[in-house]
Amino acid sequence: MLLIAAIAILVTMALALARALLGPSVYDRVLAVNMFGTKTVLLIAVMAFAMGRTDFLDLALAYALINFIGVLAVLWFSHQHHLRNQSHSGTESGDEHSGDRQP
């Protein structure tokens, strides 16, 4: 039964990897990478249960925290990049906010 669960997790990980590579948007890719990380945590937990090694659950929890913080960092970076691109395109077009810049 655990082998079937591990195979199902690996299949969903492959689908998440395909979505991460194909996109189409940055947010789809970030979501797919987050799902891949979550499935990795689940796979580590299943393997820990199958091998009787409860210390692997600590590794799974640590990986889950790293995955969460990493996704937040990528989303923050993407949001900042998007804001910078908007401000650069707004100043070049001569809209009403272009006079707000400090010399």
C-alpha atoms as a PDB file:
ATOM      1  CA  MET A   1       0.000   0.000   0.000  1.00  0.00           C
ATOM      2  CA  LEU A   2       2.865   2.397   0.780  1.00  0.00           C
ATOM      3  CA  LEU A   3       4.426   1.624  -2.579  1.00  0.00           C
ATOM      4  CA  ILE A   4       1.225   2.663  -4.338  1.00  0.00           C
ATOM      5  CA  ALA A   5       1.138   5.888  -2.319  1.00  0.00           C
ATOM      6  CA  ALA A   6       4.783   6.634  -3.160  1.00  0.00           C
ATOM      7  CA  ILE A   7       4.163   6.021  -6.868  1.00  0.00           C
ATOM      8  CA  ALA A   8       1.092   8.280  -6.821  1.00  0.00           C
ATOM      9  CA  ILE A   9       3.123  11.022  -5.124  1.00  0.00           C
ATOM     10  CA  LEU A  10       5.891  10.667  -7.705  1.00  0.00           C
ATOM     11  CA  VAL A  11       3.358  10.954 -10.541  1.00  0.00           C
ATOM     12  CA  THR A  12       1.915  14.159  -9.081  1.00  0.00           C
ATOM     13  CA  MET A  13       5.458  15.474  -8.604  1.00  0.00           C
ATOM     14  CA  ALA A  14       6.140  14.840 -12.304  1.00  0.00           C
ATOM     15  CA  LEU A  15       2.946  16.700 -13.231  1.00  0.00           C
ATOM     16  CA  ALA A  16       3.934  19.618 -10.995  1.00  0.00           C
ATOM     17  CA  LEU A  17       7.366  19.705 -12.612  1.00  0.00           C
ATOM     18  CA  ALA A  18       5.752  19.783 -16.054  1.00  0.00           C
ATOM     19  CA  ARG A  19       3.548  22.700 -14.973  1.00  0.00           C
ATOM     20  CA  ALA A  20       6.592  24.519 -13.568  1.00  0.00           C
ATOM     21  CA  LEU A  21       8.421  24.175 -16.866  1.00  0.00           C
ATOM     22  CA  LEU A  22       5.478  25.041 -19.117  1.00  0.00           C
ATOM     23  CA  GLY A  23       4.077  28.007 -17.202  1.00  0.00           C
ATOM     24  CA  PRO A  24       2.366  30.055 -18.690  1.00  0.00           C
ATOM     25  CA  SER A  25       2.761  32.732 -16.001  1.00  0.00           C
ATOM     26  CA  VAL A  26       5.214  33.234 -13.178  1.00  0.00           C
ATOM     27  CA  TYR A  27       2.505  32.602 -10.622  1.00  0.00           C
ATOM     28  CA  ASP A  28       1.618  29.252 -12.202  1.00  0.00           C
ATOM     29  CA  ARG A  29       5.267  28.277 -12.002  1.00  0.00           C
ATOM     30  CA  VAL A  30       5.600  29.371  -8.371  1.00  0.00           C
ATOM     31  CA  LEU A  31       2.460  27.432  -7.474  1.00  0.00           C
ATOM     32  CA  ALA A  32       3.818  24.338  -9.237  1.00  0.00           C
ATOM     33  CA  VAL A  33       7.155  24.601  -7.415  1.00  0.00           C
ATOM     34  CA  ASN A  34       5.274  24.988  -4.132  1.00  0.00           C
ATOM     35  CA  MET A  35       3.220  21.890  -4.924  1.00  0.00           C
ATOM     36  CA  PHE A  36       6.395  20.003  -5.824  1.00  0.00           C
ATOM     37  CA  GLY A  37       7.890  20.941  -2.455  1.00  0.00           C
ATOM     38  CA  THR A  38       4.745  19.892  -0.617  1.00  0.00           C
ATOM     39  CA  LYS A  39       4.727  16.540  -2.407  1.00  0.00           C
ATOM     40  CA  THR A  40       8.400  16.118  -1.487  1.00  0.00           C
ATOM     41  CA  VAL A  41       7.508  16.606   2.171  1.00  0.00           C
ATOM     42  CA  LEU A  42       4.717  14.042   1.793  1.00  0.00           C
ATOM     43  CA  LEU A  43       7.075  11.592   0.092  1.00  0.00           C
ATOM     44  CA  ILE A  44       9.631  11.968   2.896  1.00  0.00           C
ATOM     45  CA  ALA A  45       6.873  11.306   5.443  1.00  0.00           C
ATOM     46  CA  VAL A  46       5.700   8.187   3.590  1.00  0.00           C
ATOM     47  CA  MET A  47       9.267   6.904   3.352  1.00  0.00           C
ATOM     48  CA  ALA A  48       9.812   7.615   7.051  1.00  0.00           C
ATOM     49  CA  PHE A  49       6.715   5.599   7.892  1.00  0.00           C
ATOM     50  CA  ALA A  50       7.734   2.755   5.573  1.00  0.00           C
ATOM     51  CA  MET A  51      11.239   2.542   7.038  1.00  0.00           C
ATOM     52  CA  GLY A  52      10.195   3.132  10.628  1.00  0.00           C
ATOM     53  CA  ARG A  53      12.476   6.167  10.913  1.00  0.00           C
ATOM     54  CA  THR A  54      10.598   8.879  12.767  1.00  0.00           C
ATOM     55  CA  ASP A  55      13.639  11.160  12.653  1.00  0.00           C
ATOM     56  CA  PHE A  56      12.927  11.702   8.944  1.00  0.00           C
ATOM     57  CA  LEU A  57       9.771  13.568   9.963  1.00  0.00           C
ATOM     58  CA  ASP A  58      11.979  16.298  11.426  1.00  0.00           C
ATOM     59  CA  LEU A  59      13.651  16.619   8.033  1.00  0.00           C
ATOM     60  CA  ALA A  60      10.245  16.786   6.356  1.00  0.00           C
ATOM     61  CA  LEU A  61       9.152  19.610   8.669  1.00  0.00           C
ATOM     62  CA  ALA A  62      12.379  21.526   8.081  1.00  0.00           C
ATOM     63  CA  TYR A  63      11.964  21.111   4.324  1.00  0.00           C
ATOM     64  CA  ALA A  64       8.362  22.318   4.562  1.00  0.00           C
ATOM     65  CA  LEU A  65       9.478  25.493   6.343  1.00  0.00           C
ATOM     66  CA  ILE A  66      12.240  26.124   3.797  1.00  0.00           C
ATOM     67  CA  ASN A  67       9.742  25.556   0.975  1.00  0.00           C
ATOM     68  CA  PHE A  68       7.278  28.021   2.509  1.00  0.00           C
ATOM     69  CA  ILE A  69       9.878  30.732   3.075  1.00  0.00           C
ATOM     70  CA  GLY A  70      11.333  30.195  -0.393  1.00  0.00           C
ATOM     71  CA  VAL A  71       7.947  30.582  -2.073  1.00  0.00           C
ATOM     72  CA  LEU A  72       7.263  33.764  -0.116  1.00  0.00           C
ATOM     73  CA  ALA A  73      10.662  35.143  -1.133  1.00  0.00           C
ATOM     74  CA  VAL A  74      10.086  34.383  -4.819  1.00  0.00           C
ATOM     75  CA  LEU A  75       6.626  35.952  -4.730  1.00  0.00           C
ATOM     76  CA  TRP A  76       7.975  39.060  -2.976  1.00  0.00           C
ATOM     77  CA  PHE A  77      10.771  39.366  -5.543  1.00  0.00           C
ATOM     78  CA  SER A  78       8.314  38.915  -8.402  1.00  0.00           C
ATOM     79  CA  HIS A  79       5.994  41.543  -6.934  1.00  0.00           C
ATOM     80  CA  GLN A  80       8.859  44.020  -6.484  1.00  0.00           C
ATOM     81  CA  HIS A  81      10.037  43.383 -10.035  1.00  0.00           C
ATOM     82  CA  HIS A  82       6.509  43.987 -11.322  1.00  0.00           C
ATOM     83  CA  LEU A  83       6.245  47.249  -9.356  1.00  0.00           C
ATOM     84  CA  ARG A  84       9.608  48.443 -10.669  1.00  0.00           C
ATOM     85  CA  ASN A  85       8.567  47.716 -14.244  1.00  0.00           C
ATOM     86  CA  GLN A  86       5.334  49.640 -13.755  1.00  0.00           C
ATOM     87  CA  SER A  87       7.133  52.660 -12.303  1.00  0.00           C
ATOM     88  CA  HIS A  88       9.666  52.719 -15.145  1.00  0.00           C
ATOM     89  CA  SER A  89       7.004  52.512 -17.812  1.00  0.00           C
ATOM     90  CA  GLY A  90       4.927  55.185 -16.049  1.00  0.00           C
ATOM     91  CA  THR A  91       7.769  57.722 -15.926  1.00  0.00           C
ATOM     92  CA  GLU A  92       8.589  57.286 -19.587  1.00  0.00           C
ATOM     93  CA  SER A  93       5.018  57.798 -20.717  1.00  0.00           C
ATOM     94  CA  GLY A  94       4.755  61.203 -19.001  1.00  0.00           C
ATOM     95  CA  ASP A  95       1.761  60.463 -16.790  1.00  0.00           C
ATOM     96  CA  GLU A  96       0.765  62.551 -13.772  1.00  0.00           C
ATOM     97  CA  HIS A  97       3.037  60.640 -11.377  1.00  0.00           C
ATOM     98  CA  SER A  98       6.250  61.532 -13.206  1.00  0.00           C
ATOM     99  CA  GLY A  99       6.494  64.877 -11.423  1.00  0.00           C
ATOM    100  CA  ASP A 100       6.526  63.188  -7.998  1.00  0.00           C
ATOM    101  CA  ARG A 101      10.185  62.131  -8.292  1.00  0.00           C
ATOM    102  CA  GLN A 102      12.739  63.766  -6.041  1.00  0.00           C
ATOM    103  CA  PRO A 103      15.874  65.176  -7.764  1.00  0.00           C
END
